[in-house]
Structures are given as structure tokens and as C-alpha cells.
Amino acid sequence: MEFWLTTALCTAQAHVAGGRNGRGRTSDGRLDLDLRQPKP
């Protein structure tokens, strides 16, 4: 099944600080999360 998005639903910028053990957040605040290294 193919799906083509023809209209942007939202636009935002993302900023990540701290690398693999950091934090990521979008400019609109809809996504805000901690980043961690995967467990082996």
C-alpha cells in the first residue's frame, strides 16, 4: 500500500542537545523526549 502526503499537516523545527544521552524537543512543543543509548 502506498500513501502520498500532498498537504503538510504541520511544520516544526527540532533541537537536540546532549547527543545520545540528551534531550530532543520540537519548536511547537508537541514532541519533547529524553534520548538514551540503547541497551546491549
C-alpha atoms as a PDB file:
ATOM      1  CA  MET A   1       0.000   0.000   0.000  1.00  0.00           C
ATOM      2  CA  GLU A   2       1.344   3.406  -0.940  1.00  0.00           C
ATOM      3  CA  PHE A   3       0.427   6.613   0.793  1.00  0.00           C
ATOM      4  CA  TRP A   4       1.263  10.046  -0.570  1.00  0.00           C
ATOM      5  CA  LEU A   5       1.022  13.086   1.674  1.00  0.00           C
ATOM      6  CA  THR A   6       0.065  16.025  -0.507  1.00  0.00           C
ATOM      7  CA  THR A   7      -0.561  18.591   2.218  1.00  0.00           C
ATOM      8  CA  ALA A   8       1.676  19.342   5.179  1.00  0.00           C
ATOM      9  CA  LEU A   9      -0.182  18.646   8.403  1.00  0.00           C
ATOM     10  CA  CYS A  10       2.199  20.724  10.488  1.00  0.00           C
ATOM     11  CA  THR A  11       5.677  22.196  10.311  1.00  0.00           C
ATOM     12  CA  ALA A  12       8.175  22.474  13.133  1.00  0.00           C
ATOM     13  CA  GLN A  13      11.869  22.541  13.822  1.00  0.00           C
ATOM     14  CA  ALA A  14      13.615  20.172  16.209  1.00  0.00           C
ATOM     15  CA  HIS A  15      16.539  20.836  18.516  1.00  0.00           C
ATOM     16  CA  VAL A  16      18.599  18.080  20.121  1.00  0.00           C
ATOM     17  CA  ALA A  17      21.179  18.689  22.842  1.00  0.00           C
ATOM     18  CA  GLY A  18      23.461  16.227  24.593  1.00  0.00           C
ATOM     19  CA  GLY A  19      23.809  13.594  21.875  1.00  0.00           C
ATOM     20  CA  ARG A  20      22.821  10.027  22.808  1.00  0.00           C
ATOM     21  CA  ASN A  21      22.197  10.937  26.437  1.00  0.00           C
ATOM     22  CA  GLY A  22      20.414  14.192  25.791  1.00  0.00           C
ATOM     23  CA  ARG A  23      17.048  15.738  25.086  1.00  0.00           C
ATOM     24  CA  GLY A  24      15.083  16.448  21.927  1.00  0.00           C
ATOM     25  CA  ARG A  25      12.264  18.964  21.510  1.00  0.00           C
ATOM     26  CA  THR A  26      10.317  20.424  18.604  1.00  0.00           C
ATOM     27  CA  SER A  27       9.682  24.146  18.280  1.00  0.00           C
ATOM     28  CA  ASP A  28       5.934  23.685  18.700  1.00  0.00           C
ATOM     29  CA  GLY A  29       6.389  21.557  21.849  1.00  0.00           C
ATOM     30  CA  ARG A  30       4.392  18.611  20.512  1.00  0.00           C
ATOM     31  CA  LEU A  31       7.408  16.316  20.853  1.00  0.00           C
ATOM     32  CA  ASP A  32       9.663  16.506  23.913  1.00  0.00           C
ATOM     33  CA  LEU A  33      11.722  13.475  24.883  1.00  0.00           C
ATOM     34  CA  ASP A  34      14.829  12.171  26.599  1.00  0.00           C
ATOM     35  CA  LEU A  35      17.419  10.389  24.462  1.00  0.00           C
ATOM     36  CA  ARG A  36      19.370   7.409  25.794  1.00  0.00           C
ATOM     37  CA  GLN A  37      21.813   4.875  24.432  1.00  0.00           C
ATOM     38  CA  PRO A  38      20.235   1.537  23.538  1.00  0.00           C
ATOM     39  CA  LYS A  39      20.845  -1.293  25.987  1.00  0.00           C
ATOM     40  CA  PRO A  40      23.097  -4.064  24.636  1.00  0.00           C
END
